Amino acid sequence: MKRPIYTIALLVAFATCQTSKERPVIQGTVAGVESGTVYLQRFENKMYFVVDSAAVKQGEFSFHTELALPEIYGLTLDTSKSTFQLFLDENPVTVQLDSAASYRHTKVEGSALQDHFDEYRSQRDVKIDEFIKADPASLVSAYVLYRFYSYRLSPEEIRANIELLDPSLRQTPYVKVLEELSNTLEVVAVGKPAPDFELADADGKVVSFSDHLGKGYVLLDFWASWCGPCRRENPNIVAAYERFHDKGFDIFAVSLDQNRDRWLAAIEQDGLHWTNVSDLLFWDSEPAKLYGVRAIPANFLVDSEGVIVAKNLRGDDLAATLGSLLGSEN
């Protein structure tokens, strides 16, 4: 009598597994696209890495991929262009992927995390501590703190907001980055010695940052050819260089580029005639990690003793600061 019951139990378990396996994690449609490929990407350190792909057939696609959940993923039709950021929880989702306007009008159903993120994006002047308190166990709360506030908060503020998060989020990569960042920001605070590093310049020669110190003020500038705000700020930096270089001002620029040709082209186009270095590792840039740079443009003004005297000087602030330190033109 036991054997038939055991057999039935196995069949039920097998059927359950089959149903779970066959049920798509993501299913969707692509507006205006009958065929092609949708790429599923994993989000890590502001970058996306392909984990699977699905063919678009008559405008439809689906993924049955086993994924770590809850987590952040991306969907795109072209890995060299923009990605639609997708928050997934334990429930399957339906996506209406709108390829126009960088997926701006894409709709997602089934993910409470995505709903939470959309709610955040619909608000203005969000106070991060209040946002976290409203749902401290949500992955979205940790992500928003990591992505949109880490670069504008002090180490103390970062730690205070981490304490508001549910302990279940402490092992997420977002909180781990924030914990490390809070320590790094103390090391590169105004009044602290600028950490040294070496990297290959535009000619492929390895140069040290410290070798450019000791003669005056040096602006350690973090930028990238793909960064619109950086490119718009470059004329201000060029103007400051032309005005104050003879008075003892120099620039040491670190690019977060991935493509060497685009980096070199931007140097030429923007007239950045100073030392330019890059490891071409995007957000994995070692100097960016060393200085806790989570958003660009970013910069550090370092004096002849190698001490950081100011941070994130842009536009008129850079010229005004240099004028007070080096003297205005006669």
Protein backbone atom coordinates (compact mmCIF):
# COMPACT_ATOMS: atom_id res chain seq x y z
CA MET A 1 0.00 0.00 0.00
CA LYS A 2 2.90 2.37 0.70
CA ARG A 3 4.54 1.96 -2.71
CA PRO A 4 1.65 3.44 -4.76
CA ILE A 5 1.42 6.38 -2.33
CA TYR A 6 5.17 6.95 -2.66
CA THR A 7 4.93 6.79 -6.45
CA ILE A 8 2.06 9.29 -6.49
CA ALA A 9 4.05 11.62 -4.24
CA LEU A 10 6.98 11.49 -6.64
CA LEU A 11 4.75 12.21 -9.60
CA VAL A 12 3.19 15.19 -7.83
CA ALA A 13 6.63 16.54 -6.87
CA PHE A 14 7.89 16.04 -10.43
CA ALA A 15 4.86 17.77 -11.89
CA THR A 16 5.32 20.67 -9.48
CA CYS A 17 8.98 21.04 -10.43
CA GLN A 18 8.13 20.88 -14.11
CA THR A 19 5.45 23.52 -13.73
CA SER A 20 7.82 25.80 -11.79
CA LYS A 21 10.62 25.28 -14.31
CA GLU A 22 8.42 25.85 -17.33
CA ARG A 23 6.76 28.95 -15.94
CA PRO A 24 8.67 31.95 -17.35
CA VAL A 25 10.41 34.28 -14.91
CA ILE A 26 9.95 37.09 -17.43
CA GLN A 27 7.62 37.15 -20.38
CA GLY A 28 6.96 40.11 -22.55
CA THR A 29 6.36 41.89 -25.80
CA VAL A 30 8.43 44.39 -27.75
CA ALA A 31 6.50 47.22 -29.35
CA GLY A 32 7.17 47.49 -33.06
CA VAL A 33 9.65 44.59 -33.15
CA GLU A 34 8.64 41.28 -34.77
CA SER A 35 12.00 39.52 -34.51
CA GLY A 36 15.39 40.00 -32.90
CA THR A 37 16.97 39.28 -29.53
CA VAL A 38 16.32 40.51 -26.00
CA TYR A 39 19.28 40.31 -23.63
CA LEU A 40 18.85 39.71 -19.91
CA GLN A 41 21.58 41.43 -17.92
CA ARG A 42 22.81 41.33 -14.35
CA PHE A 43 23.39 44.71 -12.69
CA GLU A 44 26.69 45.15 -10.85
CA ASN A 45 28.53 48.34 -9.90
CA LYS A 46 26.51 50.52 -12.29
CA MET A 47 27.30 48.10 -15.13
CA TYR A 48 25.30 45.40 -16.89
CA PHE A 49 26.54 41.90 -17.79
CA VAL A 50 24.62 39.51 -20.07
CA VAL A 51 23.36 36.36 -18.34
CA ASP A 52 20.94 35.10 -21.02
CA SER A 53 19.21 35.98 -24.27
CA ALA A 54 15.83 35.24 -25.79
CA ALA A 55 14.63 35.37 -29.37
CA VAL A 56 11.80 37.73 -30.21
CA LYS A 57 9.14 35.83 -32.15
CA GLN A 58 6.18 37.76 -33.50
CA GLY A 59 6.91 40.48 -31.00
CA GLU A 60 7.07 38.19 -27.94
CA PHE A 61 9.88 36.84 -25.76
CA SER A 62 10.34 34.96 -22.48
CA PHE A 63 13.04 33.95 -20.01
CA HIS A 64 13.05 30.81 -17.84
CA THR A 65 16.47 31.58 -16.38
CA GLU A 66 17.21 30.69 -12.76
CA LEU A 67 18.03 34.00 -11.11
CA ALA A 68 19.13 35.24 -7.71
CA LEU A 69 16.08 37.00 -6.26
CA PRO A 70 15.23 39.62 -5.22
CA GLU A 71 17.73 41.52 -7.38
CA ILE A 72 18.18 44.10 -10.13
CA TYR A 73 18.47 43.08 -13.77
CA GLY A 74 18.32 44.74 -17.15
CA LEU A 75 16.64 44.13 -20.50
CA THR A 76 17.97 45.46 -23.78
CA LEU A 77 17.81 44.84 -27.51
CA ASP A 78 21.37 46.11 -27.98
CA THR A 79 24.09 45.60 -25.38
CA SER A 80 26.06 48.56 -26.73
CA LYS A 81 23.20 50.94 -25.95
CA SER A 82 20.85 51.73 -23.08
CA THR A 83 19.23 49.15 -20.81
CA PHE A 84 15.86 49.02 -19.10
CA GLN A 85 16.44 48.49 -15.39
CA LEU A 86 14.19 45.81 -13.92
CA PHE A 87 13.64 44.99 -10.25
CA LEU A 88 12.64 41.35 -9.81
CA ASP A 89 11.19 39.70 -6.72
CA GLU A 90 10.01 36.10 -6.32
CA ASN A 91 7.03 36.57 -8.66
CA PRO A 92 7.06 36.20 -12.46
CA VAL A 93 6.65 39.46 -14.34
CA THR A 94 5.15 40.62 -17.60
CA VAL A 95 7.00 43.33 -19.51
CA GLN A 96 5.78 45.55 -22.33
CA LEU A 97 9.18 46.64 -23.61
CA ASP A 98 9.05 49.92 -25.50
CA SER A 99 12.27 50.21 -27.48
CA ALA A 100 11.65 53.86 -28.35
CA ALA A 101 13.12 56.66 -26.24
CA SER A 102 15.51 54.38 -24.33
CA TYR A 103 12.68 52.14 -23.03
CA ARG A 104 11.20 55.11 -21.17
CA HIS A 105 7.59 53.98 -21.66
CA THR A 106 8.13 50.32 -20.77
CA LYS A 107 5.50 48.83 -18.45
CA VAL A 108 6.04 46.06 -15.89
CA GLU A 109 3.42 44.02 -14.07
CA GLY A 110 3.96 41.52 -11.25
CA SER A 111 6.94 43.00 -9.41
CA ALA A 112 6.23 44.85 -6.17
CA LEU A 113 9.86 46.02 -6.17
CA GLN A 114 9.45 47.61 -9.59
CA ASP A 115 6.29 49.34 -8.36
CA HIS A 116 8.26 50.69 -5.39
CA PHE A 117 11.03 51.98 -7.64
CA ASP A 118 8.56 53.63 -10.02
CA GLU A 119 6.96 55.30 -7.00
CA TYR A 120 10.36 56.71 -6.00
CA ARG A 121 11.02 58.05 -9.50
CA SER A 122 7.65 59.79 -9.56
CA GLN A 123 8.53 61.90 -6.51
CA ARG A 124 10.61 65.04 -6.18
CA ASP A 125 12.90 66.23 -3.39
CA VAL A 126 12.83 62.85 -1.68
CA LYS A 127 14.39 62.78 1.79
CA ILE A 128 16.31 59.55 1.81
CA ASP A 129 15.89 58.84 5.52
CA GLU A 130 12.10 59.15 5.25
CA PHE A 131 12.06 57.02 2.12
CA ILE A 132 13.98 54.25 3.87
CA LYS A 133 11.82 54.40 6.99
CA ALA A 134 8.70 53.87 4.86
CA ASP A 135 9.99 50.45 3.74
CA PRO A 136 13.32 49.57 5.39
CA ALA A 137 13.32 45.94 4.18
CA SER A 138 12.90 46.78 0.49
CA LEU A 139 15.83 46.23 -1.85
CA VAL A 140 14.75 49.46 -3.53
CA SER A 141 15.50 51.41 -0.35
CA ALA A 142 19.07 50.08 -0.30
CA TYR A 143 19.52 50.68 -4.02
CA VAL A 144 18.24 54.26 -3.97
CA LEU A 145 20.60 55.12 -1.10
CA TYR A 146 23.48 53.46 -2.99
CA ARG A 147 22.74 54.89 -6.44
CA PHE A 148 21.35 58.37 -5.91
CA TYR A 149 22.60 59.56 -2.52
CA SER A 150 25.99 57.99 -1.79
CA TYR A 151 27.93 60.67 -3.66
CA ARG A 152 26.26 63.59 -1.87
CA LEU A 153 26.25 62.36 1.73
CA SER A 154 28.96 62.56 4.38
CA PRO A 155 30.38 59.34 5.85
CA GLU A 156 28.31 59.93 8.98
CA GLU A 157 25.12 60.41 6.97
CA ILE A 158 25.77 57.26 4.95
CA ARG A 159 26.23 55.22 8.12
CA ALA A 160 23.12 56.73 9.73
CA ASN A 161 21.01 55.77 6.72
CA ILE A 162 22.46 52.26 6.63
CA GLU A 163 21.30 51.86 10.24
CA LEU A 164 17.74 52.60 9.09
CA LEU A 165 17.79 49.65 6.69
CA ASP A 166 16.55 46.24 7.75
CA PRO A 167 19.42 43.90 8.78
CA SER A 168 18.35 41.52 6.00
CA LEU A 169 19.86 43.97 3.49
CA ARG A 170 23.30 44.14 5.10
CA GLN A 171 24.73 41.43 2.82
CA THR A 172 23.55 43.04 -0.41
CA PRO A 173 26.30 44.45 -2.65
CA TYR A 174 24.69 47.89 -2.34
CA VAL A 175 25.10 48.11 1.42
CA LYS A 176 28.58 46.59 1.28
CA VAL A 177 29.66 49.28 -1.20
CA LEU A 178 28.15 51.96 1.05
CA GLU A 179 29.97 50.66 4.12
CA GLU A 180 33.29 50.66 2.27
CA LEU A 181 32.54 54.06 0.76
CA SER A 182 31.90 55.67 4.14
CA ASN A 183 35.40 54.62 5.24
CA THR A 184 37.00 55.77 1.98
CA LEU A 185 35.40 59.21 2.12
CA GLU A 186 37.03 59.81 5.49
CA VAL A 187 40.43 59.02 3.98
CA VAL A 188 39.95 61.51 1.11
CA ALA A 189 38.33 64.30 3.10
CA VAL A 190 39.54 67.89 2.82
CA GLY A 191 42.69 68.23 4.92
CA LYS A 192 43.84 64.65 4.31
CA PRO A 193 46.82 63.56 2.18
CA ALA A 194 45.83 62.62 -1.37
CA PRO A 195 46.36 58.86 -1.91
CA ASP A 196 48.92 58.04 -4.57
CA PHE A 197 48.39 55.72 -7.55
CA GLU A 198 49.93 55.01 -10.92
CA LEU A 199 48.28 54.35 -14.26
CA ALA A 200 49.01 54.35 -17.98
CA ASP A 201 48.64 57.71 -19.72
CA ALA A 202 47.32 58.37 -23.22
CA ASP A 203 50.68 57.29 -24.70
CA GLY A 204 50.71 54.05 -22.73
CA LYS A 205 53.39 55.21 -20.29
CA VAL A 206 52.78 54.40 -16.62
CA VAL A 207 52.84 57.58 -14.54
CA SER A 208 52.38 58.28 -10.83
CA PHE A 209 50.04 60.92 -9.48
CA SER A 210 52.56 61.86 -6.77
CA ASP A 211 55.17 62.74 -9.43
CA HIS A 212 52.93 65.63 -10.48
CA LEU A 213 52.70 67.12 -7.00
CA GLY A 214 54.99 69.58 -5.24
CA LYS A 215 55.06 72.48 -7.70
CA GLY A 216 51.71 74.10 -7.02
CA TYR A 217 48.06 73.08 -7.08
CA VAL A 218 46.88 70.02 -9.02
CA LEU A 219 43.28 69.24 -9.89
CA LEU A 220 42.67 65.48 -9.83
CA ASP A 221 39.77 65.31 -12.27
CA PHE A 222 37.52 62.26 -12.79
CA TRP A 223 35.55 62.23 -16.04
CA ALA A 224 34.69 60.08 -19.12
CA SER A 225 33.99 60.62 -22.80
CA TRP A 226 30.50 59.10 -22.38
CA CYS A 227 29.60 61.46 -19.50
CA GLY A 228 27.51 64.38 -20.77
CA PRO A 229 27.93 66.56 -17.65
CA CYS A 230 31.69 65.95 -17.80
CA ARG A 231 31.93 67.08 -21.39
CA ARG A 232 29.87 70.17 -20.63
CA GLU A 233 32.17 70.99 -17.70
CA ASN A 234 35.39 70.53 -19.68
CA PRO A 235 35.34 74.07 -21.19
CA ASN A 236 35.37 75.51 -17.65
CA ILE A 237 38.35 73.34 -16.73
CA VAL A 238 40.18 74.28 -19.93
CA ALA A 239 39.56 77.97 -19.20
CA ALA A 240 40.92 77.59 -15.65
CA TYR A 241 43.98 75.76 -16.95
CA GLU A 242 44.73 78.45 -19.52
CA ARG A 243 44.27 81.20 -16.93
CA PHE A 244 46.21 79.72 -14.02
CA HIS A 245 48.68 77.21 -15.44
CA ASP A 246 51.54 79.74 -15.51
CA LYS A 247 50.77 80.59 -11.86
CA GLY A 248 51.27 77.00 -10.67
CA PHE A 249 48.09 75.13 -11.58
CA ASP A 250 48.06 71.73 -13.28
CA ILE A 251 45.55 68.98 -13.99
CA PHE A 252 45.80 65.20 -13.70
CA ALA A 253 42.74 63.63 -15.32
CA VAL A 254 41.42 60.10 -14.73
CA SER A 255 38.94 58.76 -17.27
CA LEU A 256 36.33 56.10 -16.49
CA ASP A 257 36.16 55.12 -20.13
CA GLN A 258 36.05 51.61 -21.55
CA ASN A 259 36.86 52.40 -25.16
CA ARG A 260 40.38 53.74 -25.74
CA ASP A 261 39.61 55.31 -29.11
CA ARG A 262 36.64 57.25 -27.75
CA TRP A 263 38.70 58.39 -24.76
CA LEU A 264 41.53 59.67 -26.95
CA ALA A 265 39.08 61.33 -29.35
CA ALA A 266 37.40 63.19 -26.47
CA ILE A 267 40.78 64.40 -25.18
CA GLU A 268 41.49 65.89 -28.60
CA GLN A 269 37.99 67.27 -29.17
CA ASP A 270 37.82 68.99 -25.76
CA GLY A 271 41.42 70.25 -25.81
CA LEU A 272 42.50 68.51 -22.61
CA HIS A 273 46.22 69.23 -22.94
CA TRP A 274 47.42 67.85 -19.63
CA THR A 275 48.18 64.41 -18.19
CA ASN A 276 45.36 61.98 -18.95
CA VAL A 277 45.28 58.43 -17.55
CA SER A 278 42.83 55.53 -17.58
CA ASP A 279 42.69 51.81 -16.88
CA LEU A 280 39.64 51.62 -19.20
CA LEU A 281 37.66 49.74 -16.53
CA PHE A 282 34.57 51.97 -16.40
CA TRP A 283 33.16 51.95 -12.83
CA ASP A 284 35.76 49.37 -11.81
CA SER A 285 38.41 52.08 -12.18
CA GLU A 286 40.93 51.62 -9.40
CA PRO A 287 41.59 55.35 -8.79
CA ALA A 288 37.82 55.95 -8.64
CA LYS A 289 37.55 53.29 -5.92
CA LEU A 290 40.57 54.74 -4.11
CA TYR A 291 38.91 58.18 -3.96
CA GLY A 292 35.35 56.98 -3.37
CA VAL A 293 34.09 58.43 -6.67
CA ARG A 294 30.52 57.25 -7.28
CA ALA A 295 29.45 59.94 -9.74
CA ILE A 296 31.24 62.05 -12.33
CA PRO A 297 32.35 64.71 -12.92
CA ALA A 298 34.24 64.74 -9.65
CA ASN A 299 37.50 66.39 -8.66
CA PHE A 300 39.95 66.99 -5.82
CA LEU A 301 42.20 70.04 -5.57
CA VAL A 302 45.56 69.08 -4.07
CA ASP A 303 48.23 71.53 -2.83
CA SER A 304 52.01 71.36 -3.16
CA GLU A 305 52.24 69.34 0.05
CA GLY A 306 49.95 66.66 -1.36
CA VAL A 307 47.01 67.65 0.85
CA ILE A 308 43.42 67.82 -0.42
CA VAL A 309 42.22 71.42 -0.01
CA ALA A 310 38.89 71.33 -1.89
CA LYS A 311 36.53 68.92 -3.65
CA ASN A 312 34.11 69.04 -6.57
CA LEU A 313 34.87 72.56 -7.77
CA ARG A 314 32.85 73.32 -10.89
CA GLY A 315 32.22 76.29 -13.13
CA ASP A 316 32.95 79.65 -11.52
CA ASP A 317 33.81 77.97 -8.18
CA LEU A 318 36.98 76.47 -9.66
CA ALA A 319 38.18 79.81 -11.06
CA ALA A 320 37.25 81.67 -7.87
CA THR A 321 39.09 79.18 -5.65
CA LEU A 322 42.21 79.24 -7.81
CA GLY A 323 42.07 83.03 -7.92
CA SER A 324 42.09 83.21 -4.12
CA LEU A 325 44.92 80.69 -3.84
CA LEU A 326 47.14 81.78 -6.72
CA GLY A 327 46.13 85.41 -7.14
CA SER A 328 44.05 86.98 -9.84
CA GLU A 329 45.48 88.22 -13.10
CA ASN A 330 46.84 91.77 -13.18
